[in-house]
Amino acid sequence: MTTSNNINEANSLMLQQFALHYLLSAADEAPLLVEGASVEPRRVSNRTNVPAASVSMTYIIEHPELGFGFRFRAVWFDGALLPPSATHVVIEREWDNTDSRTPASTSEAINDWLQAVTP
């Protein structure tokens, strides 16, 4: 059985690939649809110790059919994710829209979706 920590680590790695594949245009704040999920990008202010020339974004992803949502942040610099990606691409919040999942099973649902959409 996979532990919750392993799922969260896997989600973090897949989210980096997801961001590179679908969200490479860092300054683009246009909503998009990815495999049934809405993605709403928002530019936010940079955190401390992030280069001034970087672009910090939050993305709210909601999948109505699968009943989950999550918010993550990513920091872009010079057309790529700012390294280290594990620090600058982070899921900030997850939620269950079905009122029937535990936090761990919500993470698993997100993991299943990320596996399906990540190249």
PDB file of N, CA and C in Angstrom:
ATOM      1  N   MET A   1       0.839  -1.181   0.000  1.00  0.00           N
ATOM      2  CA  MET A   1       0.000   0.000   0.000  1.00  0.00           C
ATOM      3  C   MET A   1       0.888   1.251   0.000  1.00  0.00           C
ATOM      4  N   THR A   2       0.509   2.240  -0.749  1.00  0.00           N
ATOM      5  CA  THR A   2       1.262   3.481  -0.840  1.00  0.00           C
ATOM      6  C   THR A   2       0.871   4.397   0.308  1.00  0.00           C
ATOM      7  N   THR A   3       1.874   4.970   0.948  1.00  0.00           N
ATOM      8  CA  THR A   3       1.575   5.878   2.053  1.00  0.00           C
ATOM      9  C   THR A   3       1.171   7.239   1.519  1.00  0.00           C
ATOM     10  N   SER A   4       0.534   8.007   2.379  1.00  0.00           N
ATOM     11  CA  SER A   4       0.102   9.353   2.010  1.00  0.00           C
ATOM     12  C   SER A   4       1.296  10.221   1.627  1.00  0.00           C
ATOM     13  N   ASN A   5       2.417  10.060   2.335  1.00  0.00           N
ATOM     14  CA  ASN A   5       3.611  10.840   2.030  1.00  0.00           C
ATOM     15  C   ASN A   5       4.131  10.511   0.632  1.00  0.00           C
ATOM     16  N   ASN A   6       4.109   9.229   0.262  1.00  0.00           N
ATOM     17  CA  ASN A   6       4.542   8.835  -1.084  1.00  0.00           C
ATOM     18  C   ASN A   6       3.638   9.437  -2.150  1.00  0.00           C
ATOM     19  N   ILE A   7       2.339   9.448  -1.902  1.00  0.00           N
ATOM     20  CA  ILE A   7       1.386  10.046  -2.846  1.00  0.00           C
ATOM     21  C   ILE A   7       1.685  11.530  -3.005  1.00  0.00           C
ATOM     22  N   ASN A   8       1.923  12.220  -1.899  1.00  0.00           N
ATOM     23  CA  ASN A   8       2.212  13.651  -1.968  1.00  0.00           C
ATOM     24  C   ASN A   8       3.507  13.928  -2.727  1.00  0.00           C
ATOM     25  N   GLU A   9       4.530  13.103  -2.519  1.00  0.00           N
ATOM     26  CA  GLU A   9       5.784  13.265  -3.259  1.00  0.00           C
ATOM     27  C   GLU A   9       5.566  13.008  -4.743  1.00  0.00           C
ATOM     28  N   ALA A  10       4.812  11.970  -5.066  1.00  0.00           N
ATOM     29  CA  ALA A  10       4.521  11.667  -6.472  1.00  0.00           C
ATOM     30  C   ALA A  10       3.722  12.800  -7.105  1.00  0.00           C
ATOM     31  N   ASN A  11       2.744  13.324  -6.376  1.00  0.00           N
ATOM     32  CA  ASN A  11       1.956  14.441  -6.902  1.00  0.00           C
ATOM     33  C   ASN A  11       2.837  15.652  -7.173  1.00  0.00           C
ATOM     34  N   SER A  12       3.777  15.913  -6.285  1.00  0.00           N
ATOM     35  CA  SER A  12       4.681  17.048  -6.472  1.00  0.00           C
ATOM     36  C   SER A  12       5.509  16.889  -7.748  1.00  0.00           C
ATOM     37  N   LEU A  13       6.052  15.705  -7.960  1.00  0.00           N
ATOM     38  CA  LEU A  13       6.859  15.460  -9.167  1.00  0.00           C
ATOM     39  C   LEU A  13       6.016  15.544 -10.434  1.00  0.00           C
ATOM     40  N   MET A  14       4.836  14.934 -10.412  1.00  0.00           N
ATOM     41  CA  MET A  14       3.980  14.985 -11.599  1.00  0.00           C
ATOM     42  C   MET A  14       3.479  16.397 -11.862  1.00  0.00           C
ATOM     43  N   LEU A  15       3.243  17.153 -10.807  1.00  0.00           N
ATOM     44  CA  LEU A  15       2.779  18.526 -10.968  1.00  0.00           C
ATOM     45  C   LEU A  15       3.829  19.382 -11.672  1.00  0.00           C
ATOM     46  N   GLN A  16       5.097  19.126 -11.405  1.00  0.00           N
ATOM     47  CA  GLN A  16       6.160  19.843 -12.108  1.00  0.00           C
ATOM     48  C   GLN A  16       6.087  19.557 -13.608  1.00  0.00           C
ATOM     49  N   GLN A  17       5.896  18.294 -13.970  1.00  0.00           N
ATOM     50  CA  GLN A  17       5.778  17.929 -15.385  1.00  0.00           C
ATOM     51  C   GLN A  17       4.507  18.510 -15.998  1.00  0.00           C
ATOM     52  N   PHE A  18       3.424  18.476 -15.240  1.00  0.00           N
ATOM     53  CA  PHE A  18       2.162  19.065 -15.693  1.00  0.00           C
ATOM     54  C   PHE A  18       2.361  20.544 -16.005  1.00  0.00           C
ATOM     55  N   ALA A  19       3.001  21.258 -15.084  1.00  0.00           N
ATOM     56  CA  ALA A  19       3.227  22.697 -15.271  1.00  0.00           C
ATOM     57  C   ALA A  19       4.063  22.954 -16.518  1.00  0.00           C
ATOM     58  N   LEU A  20       5.125  22.191 -16.695  1.00  0.00           N
ATOM     59  CA  LEU A  20       5.986  22.389 -17.869  1.00  0.00           C
ATOM     60  C   LEU A  20       5.245  22.099 -19.168  1.00  0.00           C
ATOM     61  N   HIS A  21       4.377  21.101 -19.146  1.00  0.00           N
ATOM     62  CA  HIS A  21       3.679  20.700 -20.373  1.00  0.00           C
ATOM     63  C   HIS A  21       2.514  21.631 -20.718  1.00  0.00           C
ATOM     64  N   TYR A  22       1.712  21.993 -19.722  1.00  0.00           N
ATOM     65  CA  TYR A  22       0.479  22.737 -19.988  1.00  0.00           C
ATOM     66  C   TYR A  22       0.561  24.229 -19.679  1.00  0.00           C
ATOM     67  N   LEU A  23       1.482  24.632 -18.821  1.00  0.00           N
ATOM     68  CA  LEU A  23       1.452  25.992 -18.291  1.00  0.00           C
ATOM     69  C   LEU A  23       2.725  26.772 -18.568  1.00  0.00           C
ATOM     70  N   LEU A  24       3.472  26.396 -19.565  1.00  0.00           N
ATOM     71  CA  LEU A  24       4.783  26.989 -19.807  1.00  0.00           C
ATOM     72  C   LEU A  24       4.731  28.485 -20.040  1.00  0.00           C
ATOM     73  N   SER A  25       3.634  28.982 -20.568  1.00  0.00           N
ATOM     74  CA  SER A  25       3.503  30.421 -20.766  1.00  0.00           C
ATOM     75  C   SER A  25       3.180  31.053 -19.411  1.00  0.00           C
ATOM     76  N   ALA A  26       4.220  31.361 -18.663  1.00  0.00           N
ATOM     77  CA  ALA A  26       4.079  31.744 -17.257  1.00  0.00           C
ATOM     78  C   ALA A  26       3.195  32.961 -17.035  1.00  0.00           C
ATOM     79  N   ALA A  27       3.274  33.924 -17.917  1.00  0.00           N
ATOM     80  CA  ALA A  27       2.519  35.156 -17.693  1.00  0.00           C
ATOM     81  C   ALA A  27       1.083  35.067 -18.191  1.00  0.00           C
ATOM     82  N   ASP A  28       0.713  33.964 -18.811  1.00  0.00           N
ATOM     83  CA  ASP A  28      -0.632  33.813 -19.356  1.00  0.00           C
ATOM     84  C   ASP A  28      -1.613  33.530 -18.226  1.00  0.00           C
ATOM     85  N   GLU A  29      -2.568  34.409 -18.059  1.00  0.00           N
ATOM     86  CA  GLU A  29      -3.565  34.233 -17.007  1.00  0.00           C
ATOM     87  C   GLU A  29      -4.910  33.777 -17.560  1.00  0.00           C
ATOM     88  N   ALA A  30      -4.932  33.275 -18.780  1.00  0.00           N
ATOM     89  CA  ALA A  30      -6.180  32.806 -19.375  1.00  0.00           C
ATOM     90  C   ALA A  30      -6.540  31.431 -18.807  1.00  0.00           C
ATOM     91  N   PRO A  31      -7.793  31.247 -18.395  1.00  0.00           N
ATOM     92  CA  PRO A  31      -8.222  29.930 -17.925  1.00  0.00           C
ATOM     93  C   PRO A  31      -8.131  28.903 -19.049  1.00  0.00           C
ATOM     94  N   LEU A  32      -7.928  27.656 -18.674  1.00  0.00           N
ATOM     95  CA  LEU A  32      -7.917  26.598 -19.670  1.00  0.00           C
ATOM     96  C   LEU A  32      -8.571  25.355 -19.104  1.00  0.00           C
ATOM     97  N   LEU A  33      -8.841  24.403 -19.986  1.00  0.00           N
ATOM     98  CA  LEU A  33      -9.463  23.141 -19.625  1.00  0.00           C
ATOM     99  C   LEU A  33      -8.491  22.029 -19.977  1.00  0.00           C
ATOM    100  N   VAL A  34      -8.201  21.158 -19.010  1.00  0.00           N
ATOM    101  CA  VAL A  34      -7.290  20.038 -19.227  1.00  0.00           C
ATOM    102  C   VAL A  34      -7.987  18.769 -18.765  1.00  0.00           C
ATOM    103  N   GLU A  35      -8.343  17.915 -19.711  1.00  0.00           N
ATOM    104  CA  GLU A  35      -8.947  16.613 -19.402  1.00  0.00           C
ATOM    105  C   GLU A  35     -10.052  16.721 -18.347  1.00  0.00           C
ATOM    106  N   GLY A  36     -10.993  17.612 -18.591  1.00  0.00           N
ATOM    107  CA  GLY A  36     -12.152  17.743 -17.721  1.00  0.00           C
ATOM    108  C   GLY A  36     -11.968  18.645 -16.516  1.00  0.00           C
ATOM    109  N   ALA A  37     -10.770  19.145 -16.306  1.00  0.00           N
ATOM    110  CA  ALA A  37     -10.511  20.018 -15.157  1.00  0.00           C
ATOM    111  C   ALA A  37     -10.291  21.450 -15.623  1.00  0.00           C
ATOM    112  N   SER A  38     -10.878  22.382 -14.903  1.00  0.00           N
ATOM    113  CA  SER A  38     -10.625  23.789 -15.204  1.00  0.00           C
ATOM    114  C   SER A  38      -9.359  24.218 -14.469  1.00  0.00           C
ATOM    115  N   VAL A  39      -8.561  25.027 -15.151  1.00  0.00           N
ATOM    116  CA  VAL A  39      -7.319  25.543 -14.573  1.00  0.00           C
ATOM    117  C   VAL A  39      -7.403  27.059 -14.625  1.00  0.00           C
ATOM    118  N   GLU A  40      -7.380  27.685 -13.458  1.00  0.00           N
ATOM    119  CA  GLU A  40      -7.456  29.146 -13.381  1.00  0.00           C
ATOM    120  C   GLU A  40      -6.145  29.692 -12.841  1.00  0.00           C
ATOM    121  N   PRO A  41      -5.329  30.282 -13.733  1.00  0.00           N
ATOM    122  CA  PRO A  41      -4.052  30.855 -13.297  1.00  0.00           C
ATOM    123  C   PRO A  41      -4.237  32.271 -12.756  1.00  0.00           C
ATOM    124  N   ARG A  42      -3.446  32.602 -11.762  1.00  0.00           N
ATOM    125  CA  ARG A  42      -3.444  33.962 -11.210  1.00  0.00           C
ATOM    126  C   ARG A  42      -2.013  34.344 -10.860  1.00  0.00           C
ATOM    127  N   ARG A  43      -1.610  35.494 -11.342  1.00  0.00           N
ATOM    128  CA  ARG A  43      -0.285  35.988 -10.973  1.00  0.00           C
ATOM    129  C   ARG A  43      -0.355  36.524  -9.545  1.00  0.00           C
ATOM    130  N   VAL A  44       0.655  36.202  -8.758  1.00  0.00           N
ATOM    131  CA  VAL A  44       0.725  36.653  -7.370  1.00  0.00           C
ATOM    132  C   VAL A  44       2.084  37.294  -7.131  1.00  0.00           C
ATOM    133  N   SER A  45       2.207  37.984  -6.024  1.00  0.00           N
ATOM    134  CA  SER A  45       3.489  38.625  -5.727  1.00  0.00           C
ATOM    135  C   SER A  45       4.532  37.566  -5.363  1.00  0.00           C
ATOM    136  N   ASN A  46       5.772  37.897  -5.651  1.00  0.00           N
ATOM    137  CA  ASN A  46       6.873  36.984  -5.343  1.00  0.00           C
ATOM    138  C   ASN A  46       7.095  36.902  -3.836  1.00  0.00           C
ATOM    139  N   ARG A  47       7.474  35.729  -3.405  1.00  0.00           N
ATOM    140  CA  ARG A  47       7.817  35.540  -2.004  1.00  0.00           C
ATOM    141  C   ARG A  47       9.241  36.028  -1.753  1.00  0.00           C
ATOM    142  N   THR A  48       9.605  36.083  -0.500  1.00  0.00           N
ATOM    143  CA  THR A  48      10.954  36.477  -0.118  1.00  0.00           C
ATOM    144  C   THR A  48      11.979  35.529  -0.741  1.00  0.00           C
ATOM    145  N   ASN A  49      13.099  36.065  -1.161  1.00  0.00           N
ATOM    146  CA  ASN A  49      14.227  35.319  -1.729  1.00  0.00           C
ATOM    147  C   ASN A  49      13.952  34.732  -3.109  1.00  0.00           C
ATOM    148  N   VAL A  50      12.914  35.182  -3.765  1.00  0.00           N
ATOM    149  CA  VAL A  50      12.652  34.793  -5.150  1.00  0.00           C
ATOM    150  C   VAL A  50      13.155  35.942  -6.023  1.00  0.00           C
ATOM    151  N   PRO A  51      13.893  35.645  -7.094  1.00  0.00           N
ATOM    152  CA  PRO A  51      14.419  36.728  -7.938  1.00  0.00           C
ATOM    153  C   PRO A  51      13.312  37.665  -8.418  1.00  0.00           C
ATOM    154  N   ALA A  52      13.615  38.940  -8.436  1.00  0.00           N
ATOM    155  CA  ALA A  52      12.626  39.951  -8.830  1.00  0.00           C
ATOM    156  C   ALA A  52      12.113  39.731 -10.244  1.00  0.00           C
ATOM    157  N   ALA A  53      12.932  39.166 -11.120  1.00  0.00           N
ATOM    158  CA  ALA A  53      12.533  38.946 -12.513  1.00  0.00           C
ATOM    159  C   ALA A  53      11.671  37.696 -12.691  1.00  0.00           C
ATOM    160  N   SER A  54      11.434  36.961 -11.626  1.00  0.00           N
ATOM    161  CA  SER A  54      10.621  35.750 -11.744  1.00  0.00           C
ATOM    162  C   SER A  54       9.136  36.105 -11.749  1.00  0.00           C
ATOM    163  N   VAL A  55       8.331  35.138 -12.180  1.00  0.00           N
ATOM    164  CA  VAL A  55       6.874  35.291 -12.212  1.00  0.00           C
ATOM    165  C   VAL A  55       6.286  34.207 -11.315  1.00  0.00           C
ATOM    166  N   SER A  56       5.582  34.623 -10.278  1.00  0.00           N
ATOM    167  CA  SER A  56       4.944  33.682  -9.361  1.00  0.00           C
ATOM    168  C   SER A  56       3.464  33.582  -9.708  1.00  0.00           C
ATOM    169  N   MET A  57       2.986  32.354  -9.793  1.00  0.00           N
ATOM    170  CA  MET A  57       1.600  32.097 -10.167  1.00  0.00           C
ATOM    171  C   MET A  57       0.980  31.125  -9.170  1.00  0.00           C
ATOM    172  N   THR A  58      -0.324  31.273  -8.965  1.00  0.00           N
ATOM    173  CA  THR A  58      -1.092  30.212  -8.330  1.00  0.00           C
ATOM    174  C   THR A  58      -2.065  29.693  -9.374  1.00  0.00           C
ATOM    175  N   TYR A  59      -2.364  28.424  -9.278  1.00  0.00           N
ATOM    176  CA  TYR A  59      -3.286  27.769 -10.203  1.00  0.00           C
ATOM    177  C   TYR A  59      -4.332  27.041  -9.369  1.00  0.00           C
ATOM    178  N   ILE A  60      -5.590  27.312  -9.662  1.00  0.00           N
ATOM    179  CA  ILE A  60      -6.676  26.583  -9.016  1.00  0.00           C
ATOM    180  C   ILE A  60      -7.216  25.602 -10.042  1.00  0.00           C
ATOM    181  N   ILE A  61      -7.159  24.331  -9.682  1.00  0.00           N
ATOM    182  CA  ILE A  61      -7.619  23.264 -10.571  1.00  0.00           C
ATOM    183  C   ILE A  61      -8.827  22.613  -9.920  1.00  0.00           C
ATOM    184  N   GLU A  62      -9.931  22.561 -10.664  1.00  0.00           N
ATOM    185  CA  GLU A  62     -11.157  21.924 -10.179  1.00  0.00           C
ATOM    186  C   GLU A  62     -11.621  20.926 -11.221  1.00  0.00           C
ATOM    187  N   HIS A  63     -11.926  19.725 -10.765  1.00  0.00           N
ATOM    188  CA  HIS A  63     -12.451  18.695 -11.662  1.00  0.00           C
ATOM    189  C   HIS A  63     -13.851  18.324 -11.177  1.00  0.00           C
ATOM    190  N   PRO A  64     -14.900  18.900 -11.801  1.00  0.00           N
ATOM    191  CA  PRO A  64     -16.256  18.661 -11.302  1.00  0.00           C
ATOM    192  C   PRO A  64     -16.696  17.203 -11.394  1.00  0.00           C
ATOM    193  N   GLU A  65     -16.307  16.515 -12.444  1.00  0.00           N
ATOM    194  CA  GLU A  65     -16.738  15.123 -12.608  1.00  0.00           C
ATOM    195  C   GLU A  65     -16.081  14.208 -11.579  1.00  0.00           C
ATOM    196  N   LEU A  66     -14.797  14.427 -11.313  1.00  0.00           N
ATOM    197  CA  LEU A  66     -14.085  13.593 -10.345  1.00  0.00           C
ATOM    198  C   LEU A  66     -14.207  14.121  -8.918  1.00  0.00           C
ATOM    199  N   GLY A  67     -14.728  15.333  -8.764  1.00  0.00           N
ATOM    200  CA  GLY A  67     -15.066  15.851  -7.451  1.00  0.00           C
ATOM    201  C   GLY A  67     -13.909  16.282  -6.566  1.00  0.00           C
ATOM    202  N   PHE A  68     -12.861  16.829  -7.154  1.00  0.00           N
ATOM    203  CA  PHE A  68     -11.771  17.341  -6.332  1.00  0.00           C
ATOM    204  C   PHE A  68     -11.310  18.688  -6.856  1.00  0.00           C
ATOM    205  N   GLY A  69     -10.551  19.360  -6.023  1.00  0.00           N
ATOM    206  CA  GLY A  69      -9.909  20.601  -6.421  1.00  0.00           C
ATOM    207  C   GLY A  69      -8.615  20.754  -5.654  1.00  0.00           C
ATOM    208  N   PHE A  70      -7.713  21.554  -6.200  1.00  0.00           N
ATOM    209  CA  PHE A  70      -6.499  21.883  -5.468  1.00  0.00           C
ATOM    210  C   PHE A  70      -5.914  23.177  -6.004  1.00  0.00           C
ATOM    211  N   ARG A  71      -5.104  23.780  -5.153  1.00  0.00           N
ATOM    212  CA  ARG A  71      -4.410  25.007  -5.526  1.00  0.00           C
ATOM    213  C   ARG A  71      -2.917  24.753  -5.377  1.00  0.00           C
ATOM    214  N   PHE A  72      -2.164  25.168  -6.394  1.00  0.00           N
ATOM    215  CA  PHE A  72      -0.720  25.071  -6.266  1.00  0.00           C
ATOM    216  C   PHE A  72      -0.073  26.339  -6.767  1.00  0.00           C
ATOM    217  N   ARG A  73       1.147  26.556  -6.321  1.00  0.00           N
ATOM    218  CA  ARG A  73       1.914  27.704  -6.783  1.00  0.00           C
ATOM    219  C   ARG A  73       3.120  27.212  -7.559  1.00  0.00           C
ATOM    220  N   ALA A  74       3.529  28.027  -8.505  1.00  0.00           N
ATOM    221  CA  ALA A  74       4.725  27.742  -9.299  1.00  0.00           C
ATOM    222  C   ALA A  74       5.436  29.056  -9.555  1.00  0.00           C
ATOM    223  N   VAL A  75       6.749  29.002  -9.524  1.00  0.00           N
ATOM    224  CA  VAL A  75       7.557  30.183  -9.802  1.00  0.00           C
ATOM    225  C   VAL A  75       8.330  29.927 -11.087  1.00  0.00           C
ATOM    226  N   TRP A  76       8.167  30.837 -12.028  1.00  0.00           N
ATOM    227  CA  TRP A  76       8.795  30.745 -13.340  1.00  0.00           C
ATOM    228  C   TRP A  76       9.913  31.770 -13.433  1.00  0.00           C
ATOM    229  N   PHE A  77      10.989  31.383 -14.094  1.00  0.00           N
ATOM    230  CA  PHE A  77      12.112  32.298 -14.293  1.00  0.00           C
ATOM    231  C   PHE A  77      12.753  31.984 -15.635  1.00  0.00           C
ATOM    232  N   ASP A  78      12.785  32.970 -16.488  1.00  0.00           N
ATOM    233  CA  ASP A  78      13.431  32.834 -17.793  1.00  0.00           C
ATOM    234  C   ASP A  78      12.860  31.657 -18.594  1.00  0.00           C
ATOM    235  N   GLY A  79      11.529  31.517 -18.570  1.00  0.00           N
ATOM    236  CA  GLY A  79      10.860  30.503 -19.374  1.00  0.00           C
ATOM    237  C   GLY A  79      10.887  29.096 -18.820  1.00  0.00           C
ATOM    238  N   ALA A  80      11.319  28.933 -17.579  1.00  0.00           N
ATOM    239  CA  ALA A  80      11.378  27.602 -16.968  1.00  0.00           C
ATOM    240  C   ALA A  80      10.959  27.718 -15.503  1.00  0.00           C
ATOM    241  N   LEU A  81      10.712  26.575 -14.885  1.00  0.00           N
ATOM    242  CA  LEU A  81      10.425  26.584 -13.456  1.00  0.00           C
ATOM    243  C   LEU A  81      11.696  26.946 -12.699  1.00  0.00           C
ATOM    244  N   LEU A  82      11.550  27.793 -11.702  1.00  0.00           N
ATOM    245  CA  LEU A  82      12.694  28.205 -10.901  1.00  0.00           C
ATOM    246  C   LEU A  82      13.174  27.027 -10.060  1.00  0.00           C
ATOM    247  N   PRO A  83      14.455  26.673 -10.162  1.00  0.00           N
ATOM    248  CA  PRO A  83      14.956  25.583  -9.325  1.00  0.00           C
ATOM    249  C   PRO A  83      15.189  26.056  -7.885  1.00  0.00           C
ATOM    250  N   PRO A  84      15.125  25.187  -6.918  1.00  0.00           N
ATOM    251  CA  PRO A  84      14.707  23.796  -7.054  1.00  0.00           C
ATOM    252  C   PRO A  84      13.184  23.702  -7.175  1.00  0.00           C
ATOM    253  N   SER A  85      12.758  22.906  -8.119  1.00  0.00           N
ATOM    254  CA  SER A  85      11.321  22.803  -8.411  1.00  0.00           C
ATOM    255  C   SER A  85      10.517  22.308  -7.220  1.00  0.00           C
ATOM    256  N   ALA A  86      11.110  21.444  -6.416  1.00  0.00           N
ATOM    257  CA  ALA A  86      10.383  20.930  -5.251  1.00  0.00           C
ATOM    258  C   ALA A  86      10.040  22.045  -4.268  1.00  0.00           C
ATOM    259  N   THR A  87      10.808  23.120  -4.293  1.00  0.00           N
ATOM    260  CA  THR A  87      10.547  24.268  -3.427  1.00  0.00           C
ATOM    261  C   THR A  87       9.572  25.242  -4.065  1.00  0.00           C
ATOM    262  N   HIS A  88       9.643  25.371  -5.382  1.00  0.00           N
ATOM    263  CA  HIS A  88       8.896  26.423  -6.070  1.00  0.00           C
ATOM    264  C   HIS A  88       7.673  25.934  -6.844  1.00  0.00           C
ATOM    265  N   VAL A  89       7.382  24.650  -6.790  1.00  0.00           N
ATOM    266  CA  VAL A  89       6.132  24.106  -7.341  1.00  0.00           C
ATOM    267  C   VAL A  89       5.510  23.283  -6.213  1.00  0.00           C
ATOM    268  N   VAL A  90       4.490  23.851  -5.567  1.00  0.00           N
ATOM    269  CA  VAL A  90       3.986  23.273  -4.326  1.00  0.00           C
ATOM    270  C   VAL A  90       2.460  23.285  -4.307  1.00  0.00           C
ATOM    271  N   ILE A  91       1.879  22.142  -3.959  1.00  0.00           N
ATOM    272  CA  ILE A  91       0.436  22.107  -3.706  1.00  0.00           C
ATOM    273  C   ILE A  91       0.205  22.792  -2.363  1.00  0.00           C
ATOM    274  N   GLU A  92      -0.630  23.818  -2.382  1.00  0.00           N
ATOM    275  CA  GLU A  92      -0.907  24.572  -1.159  1.00  0.00           C
ATOM    276  C   GLU A  92      -2.159  24.085  -0.445  1.00  0.00           C
ATOM    277  N   ARG A  93      -3.104  23.566  -1.207  1.00  0.00           N
ATOM    278  CA  ARG A  93      -4.374  23.139  -0.599  1.00  0.00           C
ATOM    279  C   ARG A  93      -5.064  22.153  -1.523  1.00  0.00           C
ATOM    280  N   GLU A  94      -5.720  21.154  -0.934  1.00  0.00           N
ATOM    281  CA  GLU A  94      -6.545  20.190  -1.672  1.00  0.00           C
ATOM    282  C   GLU A  94      -7.916  20.165  -1.011  1.00  0.00           C
ATOM    283  N   TRP A  95      -8.945  19.897  -1.825  1.00  0.00           N
ATOM    284  CA  TRP A  95     -10.279  19.760  -1.239  1.00  0.00           C
ATOM    285  C   TRP A  95     -11.099  18.748  -2.021  1.00  0.00           C
ATOM    286  N   ASP A  96     -12.071  18.207  -1.305  1.00  0.00           N
ATOM    287  CA  ASP A  96     -12.991  17.209  -1.849  1.00  0.00           C
ATOM    288  C   ASP A  96     -14.344  17.870  -2.045  1.00  0.00           C
ATOM    289  N   ASN A  97     -14.840  17.838  -3.249  1.00  0.00           N
ATOM    290  CA  ASN A  97     -16.152  18.427  -3.535  1.00  0.00           C
ATOM    291  C   ASN A  97     -17.292  17.425  -3.396  1.00  0.00           C
ATOM    292  N   THR A  98     -16.978  16.181  -3.031  1.00  0.00           N
ATOM    293  CA  THR A  98     -18.019  15.163  -2.894  1.00  0.00           C
ATOM    294  C   THR A  98     -18.446  14.967  -1.445  1.00  0.00           C
ATOM    295  N   ASP A  99     -17.689  15.514  -0.513  1.00  0.00           N
ATOM    296  CA  ASP A  99     -17.928  15.326   0.923  1.00  0.00           C
ATOM    297  C   ASP A  99     -17.921  13.856   1.320  1.00  0.00           C
ATOM    298  N   SER A 100     -17.181  13.035   0.573  1.00  0.00           N
ATOM    299  CA  SER A 100     -17.139  11.610   0.888  1.00  0.00           C
ATOM    300  C   SER A 100     -15.720  11.067   0.988  1.00  0.00           C
ATOM    301  N   ARG A 101     -14.720  11.901   0.760  1.00  0.00           N
ATOM    302  CA  ARG A 101     -13.337  11.424   0.772  1.00  0.00           C
ATOM    303  C   ARG A 101     -12.608  11.886   2.027  1.00  0.00           C
ATOM    304  N   THR A 102     -11.625  11.089   2.392  1.00  0.00           N
ATOM    305  CA  THR A 102     -10.674  11.517   3.411  1.00  0.00           C
ATOM    306  C   THR A 102      -9.617  12.374   2.722  1.00  0.00           C
ATOM    307  N   PRO A 103      -8.817  13.119   3.472  1.00  0.00           N
ATOM    308  CA  PRO A 103      -7.729  13.864   2.824  1.00  0.00           C
ATOM    309  C   PRO A 103      -6.801  12.963   2.008  1.00  0.00           C
ATOM    310  N   ALA A 104      -6.506  11.762   2.517  1.00  0.00           N
ATOM    311  CA  ALA A 104      -5.623  10.849   1.782  1.00  0.00           C
ATOM    312  C   ALA A 104      -6.264  10.393   0.474  1.00  0.00           C
ATOM    313  N   SER A 105      -7.556  10.101   0.484  1.00  0.00           N
ATOM    314  CA  SER A 105      -8.187   9.645  -0.758  1.00  0.00           C
ATOM    315  C   SER A 105      -8.367  10.793  -1.745  1.00  0.00           C
ATOM    316  N   THR A 106      -8.445  12.029  -1.260  1.00  0.00           N
ATOM    317  CA  THR A 106      -8.457  13.182  -2.164  1.00  0.00           C
ATOM    318  C   THR A 106      -7.112  13.291  -2.865  1.00  0.00           C
ATOM    319  N   SER A 107      -6.024  13.117  -2.118  1.00  0.00           N
ATOM    320  CA  SER A 107      -4.683  13.129  -2.720  1.00  0.00           C
ATOM    321  C   SER A 107      -4.543  12.012  -3.748  1.00  0.00           C
ATOM    322  N   GLU A 108      -5.119  10.855  -3.460  1.00  0.00           N
ATOM    323  CA  GLU A 108      -5.069   9.736  -4.405  1.00  0.00           C
ATOM    324  C   GLU A 108      -5.856  10.047  -5.669  1.00  0.00           C
ATOM    325  N   ALA A 109      -7.005  10.703  -5.549  1.00  0.00           N
ATOM    326  CA  ALA A 109      -7.790  11.083  -6.732  1.00  0.00           C
ATOM    327  C   ALA A 109      -7.011  12.076  -7.588  1.00  0.00           C
ATOM    328  N   ILE A 110      -6.348  13.023  -6.945  1.00  0.00           N
ATOM    329  CA  ILE A 110      -5.506  13.977  -7.673  1.00  0.00           C
ATOM    330  C   ILE A 110      -4.364  13.239  -8.350  1.00  0.00           C
ATOM    331  N   ASN A 111      -3.775  12.276  -7.653  1.00  0.00           N
ATOM    332  CA  ASN A 111      -2.691  11.477  -8.218  1.00  0.00           C
ATOM    333  C   ASN A 111      -3.147  10.724  -9.460  1.00  0.00           C
ATOM    334  N   ASP A 112      -4.319  10.102  -9.393  1.00  0.00           N
ATOM    335  CA  ASP A 112      -4.845   9.369 -10.556  1.00  0.00           C
ATOM    336  C   ASP A 112      -5.010  10.303 -11.751  1.00  0.00           C
ATOM    337  N   TRP A 113      -5.553  11.486 -11.515  1.00  0.00           N
ATOM    338  CA  TRP A 113      -5.756  12.440 -12.604  1.00  0.00           C
ATOM    339  C   TRP A 113      -4.420  12.922 -13.162  1.00  0.00           C
ATOM    340  N   LEU A 114      -3.480  13.263 -12.280  1.00  0.00           N
ATOM    341  CA  LEU A 114      -2.166  13.720 -12.754  1.00  0.00           C
ATOM    342  C   LEU A 114      -1.470  12.641 -13.583  1.00  0.00           C
ATOM    343  N   GLN A 115      -1.600  11.379 -13.168  1.00  0.00           N
ATOM    344  CA  GLN A 115      -1.010  10.292 -13.958  1.00  0.00           C
ATOM    345  C   GLN A 115      -1.625  10.232 -15.348  1.00  0.00           C
ATOM    346  N   ALA A 116      -2.920  10.487 -15.425  1.00  0.00           N
ATOM    347  CA  ALA A 116      -3.612  10.415 -16.718  1.00  0.00           C
ATOM    348  C   ALA A 116      -3.228  11.562 -17.646  1.00  0.00           C
ATOM    349  N   VAL A 117      -2.907  12.730 -17.098  1.00  0.00           N
ATOM    350  CA  VAL A 117      -2.660  13.903 -17.952  1.00  0.00           C
ATOM    351  C   VAL A 117      -1.187  14.263 -18.102  1.00  0.00           C
ATOM    352  N   THR A 118      -0.323  13.685 -17.294  1.00  0.00           N
ATOM    353  CA  THR A 118       1.093  14.043 -17.344  1.00  0.00           C
ATOM    354  C   THR A 118       1.801  13.214 -18.403  1.00  0.00           C
ATOM    355  N   PRO A 119       2.481  13.906 -19.323  1.00  0.00           N
ATOM    356  CA  PRO A 119       3.182  13.169 -20.394  1.00  0.00           C
ATOM    357  C   PRO A 119       4.363  12.364 -19.874  1.00  0.00           C
TER     358      PRO A 119
END
